[in-house]
Amino acid sequence: MPSRFINPLLLLLVTASRGHLAKQIQYLKAENEVLRARLPEHIRTTPAERAKLLKFGKPLGSAIQDLITIVHPRTFARWVARESGQIQPRSLRRRRTPEQIRALVIRIARETGWVTRE
């Protein structure tokens, strides 16, 4: 008999809490928009910040697209794919100059007197 009264009470508390949390999230999103309007265009995140965003954002699944404001949802999806090993990060090194261009530069340097040795 007591469980008959407790279940509706718990349901009422959970529902009220969910509505309250939704209002808090709505406020925080609005506040976030105001703060971001005052920041420069690009926000650079550190690896630790990305890890934190991934930790809390991944469990939300596709709902993250409605919430995320600090980076584009595609950027977040790319972070998730990198973390899971689906894609590898691009190398930040400069590509090697093709041999034909190197030879041409050396030839021009010799012909103009810029370089006397090879």
N, C-alpha and C. Protein backbone atom coordinates (compact mmCIF):
# COMPACT_ATOMS: atom_id res chain seq x y z
N MET A 1 0.82 -1.21 0.00
CA MET A 1 0.00 0.00 0.00
C MET A 1 0.86 1.27 0.00
N PRO A 2 1.91 1.39 0.83
CA PRO A 2 2.70 2.62 0.81
C PRO A 2 3.38 2.86 -0.53
N SER A 3 3.76 1.81 -1.25
CA SER A 3 4.45 2.00 -2.53
C SER A 3 3.53 2.66 -3.56
N ARG A 4 2.20 2.48 -3.37
CA ARG A 4 1.24 3.08 -4.27
C ARG A 4 1.30 4.61 -4.18
N PHE A 5 1.65 5.14 -3.02
CA PHE A 5 1.74 6.59 -2.83
C PHE A 5 3.15 7.10 -3.14
N ILE A 6 4.14 6.26 -2.92
CA ILE A 6 5.54 6.70 -3.12
C ILE A 6 5.86 6.85 -4.60
N ASN A 7 5.44 5.92 -5.44
CA ASN A 7 5.74 5.99 -6.86
C ASN A 7 5.25 7.29 -7.51
N PRO A 8 3.99 7.70 -7.30
CA PRO A 8 3.55 8.98 -7.88
C PRO A 8 4.32 10.16 -7.32
N LEU A 9 4.69 10.10 -6.04
CA LEU A 9 5.45 11.18 -5.43
C LEU A 9 6.84 11.28 -6.07
N LEU A 10 7.48 10.14 -6.25
CA LEU A 10 8.80 10.13 -6.90
C LEU A 10 8.69 10.63 -8.34
N LEU A 11 7.66 10.20 -9.03
CA LEU A 11 7.45 10.66 -10.40
C LEU A 11 7.27 12.17 -10.44
N LEU A 12 6.53 12.72 -9.49
CA LEU A 12 6.33 14.17 -9.41
C LEU A 12 7.67 14.88 -9.17
N LEU A 13 8.49 14.36 -8.26
CA LEU A 13 9.79 14.97 -7.97
C LEU A 13 10.72 14.91 -9.17
N VAL A 14 10.76 13.77 -9.83
CA VAL A 14 11.63 13.61 -11.00
C VAL A 14 11.19 14.55 -12.11
N THR A 15 9.90 14.63 -12.36
CA THR A 15 9.38 15.51 -13.40
C THR A 15 9.67 16.96 -13.09
N ALA A 16 9.48 17.35 -11.83
CA ALA A 16 9.75 18.73 -11.44
C ALA A 16 11.23 19.04 -11.59
N SER A 17 12.07 18.12 -11.21
CA SER A 17 13.51 18.32 -11.32
C SER A 17 13.92 18.43 -12.78
N ARG A 18 13.35 17.58 -13.64
CA ARG A 18 13.68 17.61 -15.06
C ARG A 18 13.30 18.96 -15.67
N GLY A 19 12.12 19.46 -15.32
CA GLY A 19 11.70 20.77 -15.83
C GLY A 19 12.60 21.88 -15.33
N HIS A 20 12.99 21.80 -14.07
CA HIS A 20 13.89 22.81 -13.50
C HIS A 20 15.26 22.76 -14.18
N LEU A 21 15.76 21.55 -14.41
CA LEU A 21 17.04 21.42 -15.11
C LEU A 21 16.96 21.95 -16.54
N ALA A 22 15.85 21.72 -17.19
CA ALA A 22 15.67 22.24 -18.56
C ALA A 22 15.70 23.76 -18.56
N LYS A 23 15.10 24.38 -17.57
CA LYS A 23 15.13 25.84 -17.47
C LYS A 23 16.54 26.35 -17.20
N GLN A 24 17.28 25.62 -16.37
CA GLN A 24 18.66 26.02 -16.10
C GLN A 24 19.51 25.92 -17.36
N ILE A 25 19.33 24.85 -18.10
CA ILE A 25 20.08 24.68 -19.35
C ILE A 25 19.73 25.78 -20.34
N GLN A 26 18.46 26.12 -20.42
CA GLN A 26 18.02 27.17 -21.33
C GLN A 26 18.67 28.50 -20.96
N TYR A 27 18.72 28.80 -19.65
CA TYR A 27 19.37 30.03 -19.19
C TYR A 27 20.86 30.01 -19.53
N LEU A 28 21.53 28.88 -19.25
CA LEU A 28 22.96 28.79 -19.51
C LEU A 28 23.28 28.93 -20.99
N LYS A 29 22.43 28.39 -21.85
CA LYS A 29 22.64 28.54 -23.29
C LYS A 29 22.52 30.01 -23.70
N ALA A 30 21.52 30.72 -23.15
CA ALA A 30 21.35 32.14 -23.46
C ALA A 30 22.53 32.95 -22.95
N GLU A 31 22.99 32.63 -21.75
CA GLU A 31 24.14 33.32 -21.17
C GLU A 31 25.40 33.06 -22.01
N ASN A 32 25.53 31.83 -22.46
CA ASN A 32 26.67 31.45 -23.31
C ASN A 32 26.68 32.26 -24.60
N GLU A 33 25.51 32.44 -25.20
CA GLU A 33 25.42 33.23 -26.44
C GLU A 33 25.86 34.66 -26.21
N VAL A 34 25.44 35.26 -25.09
CA VAL A 34 25.82 36.63 -24.76
C VAL A 34 27.33 36.73 -24.59
N LEU A 35 27.91 35.79 -23.85
CA LEU A 35 29.36 35.82 -23.61
C LEU A 35 30.14 35.59 -24.90
N ARG A 36 29.69 34.66 -25.74
CA ARG A 36 30.40 34.37 -26.98
C ARG A 36 30.34 35.54 -27.95
N ALA A 37 29.30 36.35 -27.87
CA ALA A 37 29.19 37.52 -28.76
C ALA A 37 30.30 38.53 -28.47
N ARG A 38 30.87 38.48 -27.29
CA ARG A 38 31.92 39.41 -26.90
C ARG A 38 33.32 38.86 -27.13
N LEU A 39 33.43 37.62 -27.57
CA LEU A 39 34.73 36.98 -27.78
C LEU A 39 35.16 37.14 -29.23
N PRO A 40 36.46 36.91 -29.48
CA PRO A 40 36.91 36.89 -30.88
C PRO A 40 36.26 35.75 -31.65
N GLU A 41 36.42 35.77 -32.97
CA GLU A 41 35.74 34.79 -33.81
C GLU A 41 36.10 33.35 -33.49
N HIS A 42 37.38 33.05 -33.38
CA HIS A 42 37.81 31.67 -33.19
C HIS A 42 38.23 31.42 -31.75
N ILE A 43 37.73 30.35 -31.20
CA ILE A 43 38.13 29.94 -29.87
C ILE A 43 39.01 28.72 -30.02
N ARG A 44 40.21 28.81 -29.51
CA ARG A 44 41.15 27.68 -29.57
C ARG A 44 41.03 26.89 -28.27
N THR A 45 40.74 25.61 -28.39
CA THR A 45 40.62 24.78 -27.20
C THR A 45 41.91 23.99 -27.00
N THR A 46 42.25 23.76 -25.76
CA THR A 46 43.42 22.95 -25.43
C THR A 46 43.00 21.48 -25.46
N PRO A 47 43.97 20.58 -25.54
CA PRO A 47 43.61 19.16 -25.49
C PRO A 47 42.83 18.78 -24.22
N ALA A 48 43.18 19.39 -23.09
CA ALA A 48 42.46 19.11 -21.85
C ALA A 48 41.01 19.59 -21.94
N GLU A 49 40.80 20.76 -22.55
CA GLU A 49 39.44 21.28 -22.70
C GLU A 49 38.63 20.39 -23.65
N ARG A 50 39.27 19.94 -24.73
CA ARG A 50 38.59 19.04 -25.66
C ARG A 50 38.19 17.74 -24.97
N ALA A 51 39.10 17.21 -24.17
CA ALA A 51 38.81 15.96 -23.45
C ALA A 51 37.62 16.15 -22.51
N LYS A 52 37.56 17.29 -21.85
CA LYS A 52 36.45 17.57 -20.94
C LYS A 52 35.13 17.70 -21.71
N LEU A 53 35.17 18.41 -22.84
CA LEU A 53 33.97 18.55 -23.66
C LEU A 53 33.51 17.19 -24.19
N LEU A 54 34.47 16.36 -24.60
CA LEU A 54 34.13 15.02 -25.09
C LEU A 54 33.53 14.17 -23.97
N LYS A 55 34.11 14.28 -22.78
CA LYS A 55 33.63 13.48 -21.65
C LYS A 55 32.15 13.74 -21.36
N PHE A 56 31.77 15.02 -21.40
CA PHE A 56 30.38 15.36 -21.07
C PHE A 56 29.47 15.39 -22.30
N GLY A 57 30.05 15.58 -23.49
CA GLY A 57 29.23 15.69 -24.69
C GLY A 57 28.90 14.38 -25.36
N LYS A 58 29.82 13.40 -25.32
CA LYS A 58 29.57 12.12 -25.99
C LYS A 58 28.34 11.40 -25.47
N PRO A 59 28.11 11.37 -24.14
CA PRO A 59 26.91 10.66 -23.67
C PRO A 59 25.60 11.28 -24.15
N LEU A 60 25.63 12.52 -24.61
CA LEU A 60 24.41 13.18 -25.09
C LEU A 60 24.00 12.70 -26.47
N GLY A 61 24.92 12.08 -27.19
CA GLY A 61 24.61 11.59 -28.53
C GLY A 61 24.33 12.74 -29.48
N SER A 62 23.31 12.55 -30.33
CA SER A 62 22.99 13.57 -31.33
C SER A 62 22.38 14.83 -30.72
N ALA A 63 21.96 14.77 -29.45
CA ALA A 63 21.40 15.96 -28.78
C ALA A 63 22.45 17.05 -28.60
N ILE A 64 23.73 16.68 -28.71
CA ILE A 64 24.81 17.66 -28.56
C ILE A 64 24.69 18.74 -29.64
N GLN A 65 24.13 18.41 -30.79
CA GLN A 65 24.01 19.38 -31.88
C GLN A 65 23.13 20.56 -31.49
N ASP A 66 22.17 20.35 -30.61
CA ASP A 66 21.29 21.43 -30.17
C ASP A 66 21.93 22.25 -29.05
N LEU A 67 22.91 21.67 -28.37
CA LEU A 67 23.50 22.33 -27.21
C LEU A 67 24.82 23.03 -27.49
N ILE A 68 25.65 22.45 -28.32
CA ILE A 68 27.03 22.91 -28.47
C ILE A 68 27.08 24.29 -29.11
N THR A 69 27.85 25.17 -28.49
CA THR A 69 28.01 26.52 -29.03
C THR A 69 29.47 26.93 -29.13
N ILE A 70 30.34 26.25 -28.42
CA ILE A 70 31.74 26.67 -28.38
C ILE A 70 32.46 26.32 -29.69
N VAL A 71 32.07 25.20 -30.33
CA VAL A 71 32.60 24.82 -31.64
C VAL A 71 31.44 24.34 -32.49
N HIS A 72 31.70 24.20 -33.77
CA HIS A 72 30.67 23.71 -34.69
C HIS A 72 30.41 22.23 -34.40
N PRO A 73 29.18 21.78 -34.53
CA PRO A 73 28.89 20.38 -34.27
C PRO A 73 29.74 19.41 -35.10
N ARG A 74 30.10 19.81 -36.34
CA ARG A 74 30.97 18.94 -37.16
C ARG A 74 32.36 18.82 -36.55
N THR A 75 32.83 19.91 -35.94
CA THR A 75 34.13 19.87 -35.27
C THR A 75 34.08 18.89 -34.11
N PHE A 76 33.00 18.95 -33.34
CA PHE A 76 32.84 18.01 -32.22
C PHE A 76 32.80 16.58 -32.73
N ALA A 77 32.08 16.35 -33.83
CA ALA A 77 31.99 15.00 -34.40
C ALA A 77 33.38 14.53 -34.85
N ARG A 78 34.18 15.44 -35.38
CA ARG A 78 35.54 15.10 -35.80
C ARG A 78 36.39 14.71 -34.58
N TRP A 79 36.22 15.43 -33.47
CA TRP A 79 36.94 15.10 -32.23
C TRP A 79 36.57 13.69 -31.77
N VAL A 80 35.29 13.39 -31.83
CA VAL A 80 34.81 12.06 -31.41
C VAL A 80 35.43 10.99 -32.30
N ALA A 81 35.44 11.23 -33.62
CA ALA A 81 36.01 10.25 -34.55
C ALA A 81 37.50 10.07 -34.30
N ARG A 82 38.21 11.15 -34.04
CA ARG A 82 39.65 11.05 -33.75
C ARG A 82 39.89 10.27 -32.47
N GLU A 83 39.09 10.56 -31.45
CA GLU A 83 39.26 9.89 -30.16
C GLU A 83 39.02 8.38 -30.28
N SER A 84 38.07 8.01 -31.11
CA SER A 84 37.75 6.59 -31.26
C SER A 84 38.66 5.91 -32.28
N GLY A 85 39.57 6.67 -32.89
CA GLY A 85 40.53 6.10 -33.83
C GLY A 85 39.99 5.92 -35.24
N GLN A 86 38.83 6.49 -35.54
CA GLN A 86 38.26 6.36 -36.88
C GLN A 86 39.03 7.17 -37.91
N ILE A 87 39.58 8.32 -37.48
CA ILE A 87 40.40 9.13 -38.38
C ILE A 87 41.67 9.54 -37.65
N GLN A 88 42.71 9.77 -38.39
CA GLN A 88 43.99 10.18 -37.82
C GLN A 88 44.13 11.69 -37.97
N PRO A 89 44.75 12.36 -36.99
CA PRO A 89 44.96 13.79 -37.12
C PRO A 89 45.93 14.09 -38.26
N ARG A 90 45.72 15.21 -38.92
CA ARG A 90 46.60 15.61 -40.01
C ARG A 90 47.95 16.02 -39.47
N SER A 91 48.96 15.78 -40.26
CA SER A 91 50.31 16.19 -39.88
C SER A 91 50.44 17.69 -40.05
N LEU A 92 51.07 18.34 -39.11
CA LEU A 92 51.24 19.78 -39.18
C LEU A 92 52.57 20.15 -39.85
N ARG A 93 53.35 19.14 -40.27
CA ARG A 93 54.61 19.41 -40.93
C ARG A 93 54.38 19.89 -42.35
N ARG A 94 55.33 20.69 -42.83
CA ARG A 94 55.26 21.18 -44.19
C ARG A 94 55.62 20.05 -45.15
N ARG A 95 54.94 20.00 -46.27
CA ARG A 95 55.23 18.98 -47.27
C ARG A 95 56.60 19.23 -47.89
N ARG A 96 57.27 18.18 -48.28
CA ARG A 96 58.58 18.28 -48.91
C ARG A 96 58.43 18.91 -50.28
N THR A 97 59.37 19.80 -50.61
CA THR A 97 59.37 20.46 -51.91
C THR A 97 59.72 19.43 -52.98
N PRO A 98 58.96 19.38 -54.06
CA PRO A 98 59.27 18.40 -55.12
C PRO A 98 60.69 18.59 -55.67
N GLU A 99 61.31 17.49 -56.06
CA GLU A 99 62.70 17.50 -56.51
C GLU A 99 62.89 18.40 -57.73
N GLN A 100 61.93 18.44 -58.65
CA GLN A 100 62.05 19.29 -59.84
C GLN A 100 62.16 20.76 -59.45
N ILE A 101 61.39 21.18 -58.48
CA ILE A 101 61.44 22.58 -58.03
C ILE A 101 62.76 22.87 -57.34
N ARG A 102 63.23 21.93 -56.53
CA ARG A 102 64.53 22.10 -55.86
C ARG A 102 65.64 22.27 -56.88
N ALA A 103 65.65 21.43 -57.92
CA ALA A 103 66.68 21.50 -58.95
C ALA A 103 66.59 22.82 -59.70
N LEU A 104 65.39 23.26 -60.00
CA LEU A 104 65.21 24.53 -60.71
C LEU A 104 65.73 25.70 -59.88
N VAL A 105 65.43 25.73 -58.59
CA VAL A 105 65.89 26.81 -57.71
C VAL A 105 67.42 26.83 -57.65
N ILE A 106 68.03 25.65 -57.54
CA ILE A 106 69.49 25.58 -57.48
C ILE A 106 70.10 26.05 -58.81
N ARG A 107 69.50 25.65 -59.92
CA ARG A 107 70.01 26.09 -61.23
C ARG A 107 69.92 27.60 -61.38
N ILE A 108 68.80 28.18 -61.01
CA ILE A 108 68.62 29.63 -61.10
C ILE A 108 69.61 30.34 -60.18
N ALA A 109 69.80 29.79 -58.98
CA ALA A 109 70.75 30.40 -58.04
C ALA A 109 72.16 30.39 -58.61
N ARG A 110 72.56 29.30 -59.25
CA ARG A 110 73.91 29.23 -59.86
C ARG A 110 74.03 30.20 -61.02
N GLU A 111 73.02 30.25 -61.87
CA GLU A 111 73.06 31.11 -63.06
C GLU A 111 73.08 32.58 -62.72
N THR A 112 72.47 32.94 -61.63
CA THR A 112 72.42 34.35 -61.22
C THR A 112 73.56 34.73 -60.30
N GLY A 113 74.35 33.74 -59.88
CA GLY A 113 75.49 34.03 -59.02
C GLY A 113 75.17 34.04 -57.55
N TRP A 114 74.01 33.60 -57.16
CA TRP A 114 73.65 33.57 -55.74
C TRP A 114 74.39 32.46 -55.00
N VAL A 115 74.62 31.37 -55.70
CA VAL A 115 75.28 30.21 -55.09
C VAL A 115 76.40 29.77 -56.02
N THR A 116 77.58 29.51 -55.44
CA THR A 116 78.69 29.03 -56.25
C THR A 116 78.96 27.57 -56.02
N ARG A 117 78.37 26.99 -54.96
CA ARG A 117 78.56 25.57 -54.67
C ARG A 117 77.20 24.89 -54.63
N GLU A 118 77.23 23.58 -54.65
CA GLU A 118 75.98 22.82 -54.63
C GLU A 118 75.56 22.40 -53.27
